[in-house]
Amino acid sequence: MAVDEWAFHRYERWRDLAVMMAAAVLENLGYRQLTVWWRLQGWWSSLRGERQVWGVMHRTGFGQGS
């Protein structure tokens, strides 16, 4: 983003560039760490030989609506 700004000057204020850079950093926090945690739990469970099941899912279909 810094090189893009240097080359094309898309942002009129430095504050706009700072907000975009902060958003780029913050969007990578939270969800990525959560998915890594889920993957590690699944990997560890598979190493221990645990069987993973979804459970029973009851299907109701489309009923007569009001």
N, C-alpha and C. Protein backbone atom coordinates (compact mmCIF):
# COMPACT_ATOMS: atom_id res chain seq x y z
N MET A 1 0.82 -1.19 0.00
CA MET A 1 0.00 0.00 0.00
C MET A 1 0.86 1.25 0.00
N ALA A 2 1.97 1.19 0.70
CA ALA A 2 2.84 2.36 0.74
C ALA A 2 3.44 2.63 -0.64
N VAL A 3 3.85 1.59 -1.35
CA VAL A 3 4.40 1.77 -2.69
C VAL A 3 3.33 2.25 -3.65
N ASP A 4 2.12 1.71 -3.52
CA ASP A 4 1.01 2.14 -4.36
C ASP A 4 0.71 3.62 -4.14
N GLU A 5 0.74 4.05 -2.91
CA GLU A 5 0.50 5.46 -2.60
C GLU A 5 1.63 6.33 -3.15
N TRP A 6 2.84 5.86 -3.04
CA TRP A 6 3.98 6.61 -3.54
C TRP A 6 3.88 6.78 -5.06
N ALA A 7 3.42 5.72 -5.75
CA ALA A 7 3.37 5.76 -7.20
C ALA A 7 2.14 6.48 -7.75
N PHE A 8 0.97 6.28 -7.14
CA PHE A 8 -0.27 6.77 -7.74
C PHE A 8 -0.97 7.87 -6.95
N HIS A 9 -0.60 8.09 -5.71
CA HIS A 9 -1.20 9.14 -4.87
C HIS A 9 -2.73 9.06 -4.87
N ARG A 10 -3.25 7.92 -4.47
CA ARG A 10 -4.70 7.71 -4.47
C ARG A 10 -5.39 8.40 -3.28
N TYR A 11 -4.66 8.58 -2.19
CA TYR A 11 -5.27 9.17 -1.00
C TYR A 11 -4.85 10.62 -0.86
N GLU A 12 -5.81 11.48 -0.59
CA GLU A 12 -5.51 12.90 -0.49
C GLU A 12 -4.89 13.27 0.85
N ARG A 13 -5.30 12.56 1.91
CA ARG A 13 -4.78 12.86 3.24
C ARG A 13 -3.98 11.67 3.76
N TRP A 14 -2.97 11.95 4.58
CA TRP A 14 -2.18 10.89 5.21
C TRP A 14 -3.04 10.06 6.16
N ARG A 15 -4.06 10.70 6.72
CA ARG A 15 -4.95 9.98 7.64
C ARG A 15 -5.67 8.84 6.91
N ASP A 16 -6.08 9.08 5.66
CA ASP A 16 -6.75 8.04 4.88
C ASP A 16 -5.82 6.84 4.66
N LEU A 17 -4.57 7.12 4.36
CA LEU A 17 -3.59 6.05 4.18
C LEU A 17 -3.37 5.29 5.48
N ALA A 18 -3.30 5.99 6.59
CA ALA A 18 -3.11 5.34 7.89
C ALA A 18 -4.30 4.45 8.25
N VAL A 19 -5.51 4.91 7.95
CA VAL A 19 -6.70 4.11 8.23
C VAL A 19 -6.69 2.84 7.38
N MET A 20 -6.32 2.96 6.12
CA MET A 20 -6.26 1.78 5.24
C MET A 20 -5.20 0.78 5.71
N MET A 21 -4.07 1.27 6.15
CA MET A 21 -3.02 0.37 6.64
C MET A 21 -3.45 -0.30 7.94
N ALA A 22 -4.12 0.43 8.82
CA ALA A 22 -4.62 -0.16 10.07
C ALA A 22 -5.68 -1.22 9.77
N ALA A 23 -6.55 -0.96 8.81
CA ALA A 23 -7.58 -1.93 8.43
C ALA A 23 -6.94 -3.19 7.85
N ALA A 24 -5.87 -3.04 7.08
CA ALA A 24 -5.19 -4.20 6.51
C ALA A 24 -4.59 -5.08 7.59
N VAL A 25 -4.10 -4.47 8.66
CA VAL A 25 -3.53 -5.25 9.75
C VAL A 25 -4.64 -5.88 10.60
N LEU A 26 -5.66 -5.11 10.93
CA LEU A 26 -6.72 -5.59 11.83
C LEU A 26 -7.59 -6.67 11.21
N GLU A 27 -7.75 -6.68 9.88
CA GLU A 27 -8.60 -7.69 9.27
C GLU A 27 -8.00 -9.09 9.38
N ASN A 28 -6.70 -9.16 9.64
CA ASN A 28 -6.04 -10.45 9.77
C ASN A 28 -6.02 -10.98 11.19
N LEU A 29 -6.55 -10.23 12.13
CA LEU A 29 -6.56 -10.66 13.52
C LEU A 29 -7.93 -11.26 13.86
N GLY A 30 -7.93 -12.29 14.65
CA GLY A 30 -9.18 -12.85 15.14
C GLY A 30 -9.59 -14.11 14.40
N TYR A 31 -10.19 -13.96 13.24
CA TYR A 31 -10.75 -15.12 12.54
C TYR A 31 -9.67 -16.09 12.10
N ARG A 32 -8.57 -15.61 11.61
CA ARG A 32 -7.49 -16.50 11.19
C ARG A 32 -6.96 -17.32 12.37
N GLN A 33 -6.79 -16.67 13.51
CA GLN A 33 -6.31 -17.39 14.68
C GLN A 33 -7.33 -18.44 15.13
N LEU A 34 -8.61 -18.11 15.01
CA LEU A 34 -9.65 -19.05 15.39
C LEU A 34 -9.65 -20.27 14.48
N THR A 35 -9.50 -20.07 13.18
CA THR A 35 -9.47 -21.22 12.26
C THR A 35 -8.21 -22.06 12.47
N VAL A 36 -7.10 -21.43 12.82
CA VAL A 36 -5.89 -22.19 13.14
C VAL A 36 -6.14 -23.05 14.37
N TRP A 37 -6.81 -22.50 15.37
CA TRP A 37 -7.12 -23.25 16.58
C TRP A 37 -7.98 -24.47 16.27
N TRP A 38 -9.03 -24.27 15.43
CA TRP A 38 -9.89 -25.38 15.05
C TRP A 38 -9.11 -26.45 14.29
N ARG A 39 -8.22 -26.03 13.41
CA ARG A 39 -7.41 -26.98 12.65
C ARG A 39 -6.48 -27.77 13.57
N LEU A 40 -5.87 -27.08 14.53
CA LEU A 40 -4.99 -27.77 15.47
C LEU A 40 -5.77 -28.78 16.33
N GLN A 41 -6.99 -28.40 16.74
CA GLN A 41 -7.80 -29.34 17.51
C GLN A 41 -8.14 -30.57 16.68
N GLY A 42 -8.51 -30.39 15.42
CA GLY A 42 -8.82 -31.51 14.54
C GLY A 42 -7.61 -32.38 14.28
N TRP A 43 -6.46 -31.76 14.07
CA TRP A 43 -5.23 -32.51 13.84
C TRP A 43 -4.86 -33.33 15.07
N TRP A 44 -4.96 -32.73 16.24
CA TRP A 44 -4.62 -33.43 17.48
C TRP A 44 -5.59 -34.59 17.72
N SER A 45 -6.87 -34.38 17.45
CA SER A 45 -7.86 -35.44 17.59
C SER A 45 -7.58 -36.59 16.64
N SER A 46 -7.17 -36.27 15.43
CA SER A 46 -6.86 -37.34 14.46
C SER A 46 -5.61 -38.11 14.87
N LEU A 47 -4.64 -37.45 15.47
CA LEU A 47 -3.44 -38.15 15.93
C LEU A 47 -3.76 -39.11 17.07
N ARG A 48 -4.73 -38.74 17.91
CA ARG A 48 -5.13 -39.61 19.02
C ARG A 48 -6.12 -40.68 18.58
N GLY A 49 -6.58 -40.63 17.34
CA GLY A 49 -7.49 -41.64 16.82
C GLY A 49 -8.93 -41.45 17.22
N GLU A 50 -9.30 -40.24 17.61
CA GLU A 50 -10.69 -39.99 17.99
C GLU A 50 -11.57 -39.97 16.75
N ARG A 51 -12.75 -40.51 16.88
CA ARG A 51 -13.70 -40.52 15.77
C ARG A 51 -14.57 -39.27 15.86
N GLN A 52 -14.64 -38.53 14.79
CA GLN A 52 -15.43 -37.32 14.74
C GLN A 52 -16.76 -37.61 14.05
N VAL A 53 -17.84 -37.21 14.66
CA VAL A 53 -19.16 -37.42 14.07
C VAL A 53 -19.93 -36.11 14.08
N TRP A 54 -20.80 -35.95 13.11
CA TRP A 54 -21.63 -34.76 13.01
C TRP A 54 -22.83 -34.85 13.94
N GLY A 55 -23.32 -36.05 14.16
CA GLY A 55 -24.52 -36.22 14.97
C GLY A 55 -25.74 -36.36 14.08
N VAL A 56 -26.88 -36.48 14.71
CA VAL A 56 -28.13 -36.67 13.98
C VAL A 56 -28.65 -35.32 13.51
N MET A 57 -29.02 -35.26 12.24
CA MET A 57 -29.61 -34.03 11.69
C MET A 57 -31.01 -34.36 11.21
N HIS A 58 -31.98 -33.72 11.81
CA HIS A 58 -33.37 -33.95 11.43
C HIS A 58 -33.74 -33.01 10.30
N ARG A 59 -34.25 -33.57 9.24
CA ARG A 59 -34.67 -32.75 8.10
C ARG A 59 -36.17 -32.55 8.16
N THR A 60 -36.59 -31.32 8.00
CA THR A 60 -38.01 -31.03 8.09
C THR A 60 -38.63 -30.70 6.75
N GLY A 61 -37.83 -30.28 5.78
CA GLY A 61 -38.35 -29.93 4.47
C GLY A 61 -39.08 -28.61 4.49
N PHE A 62 -39.76 -28.32 3.41
CA PHE A 62 -40.51 -27.07 3.30
C PHE A 62 -41.95 -27.34 3.67
N GLY A 63 -42.40 -26.68 4.70
CA GLY A 63 -43.78 -26.87 5.14
C GLY A 63 -44.72 -25.87 4.49
N GLN A 64 -45.98 -26.06 4.77
CA GLN A 64 -46.99 -25.13 4.29
C GLN A 64 -46.89 -23.87 5.13
N GLY A 65 -46.46 -22.80 4.52
CA GLY A 65 -46.29 -21.53 5.24
C GLY A 65 -47.61 -20.80 5.42
N SER A 66 -47.62 -19.78 6.25
CA SER A 66 -48.85 -19.02 6.47
C SER A 66 -49.05 -17.96 5.44
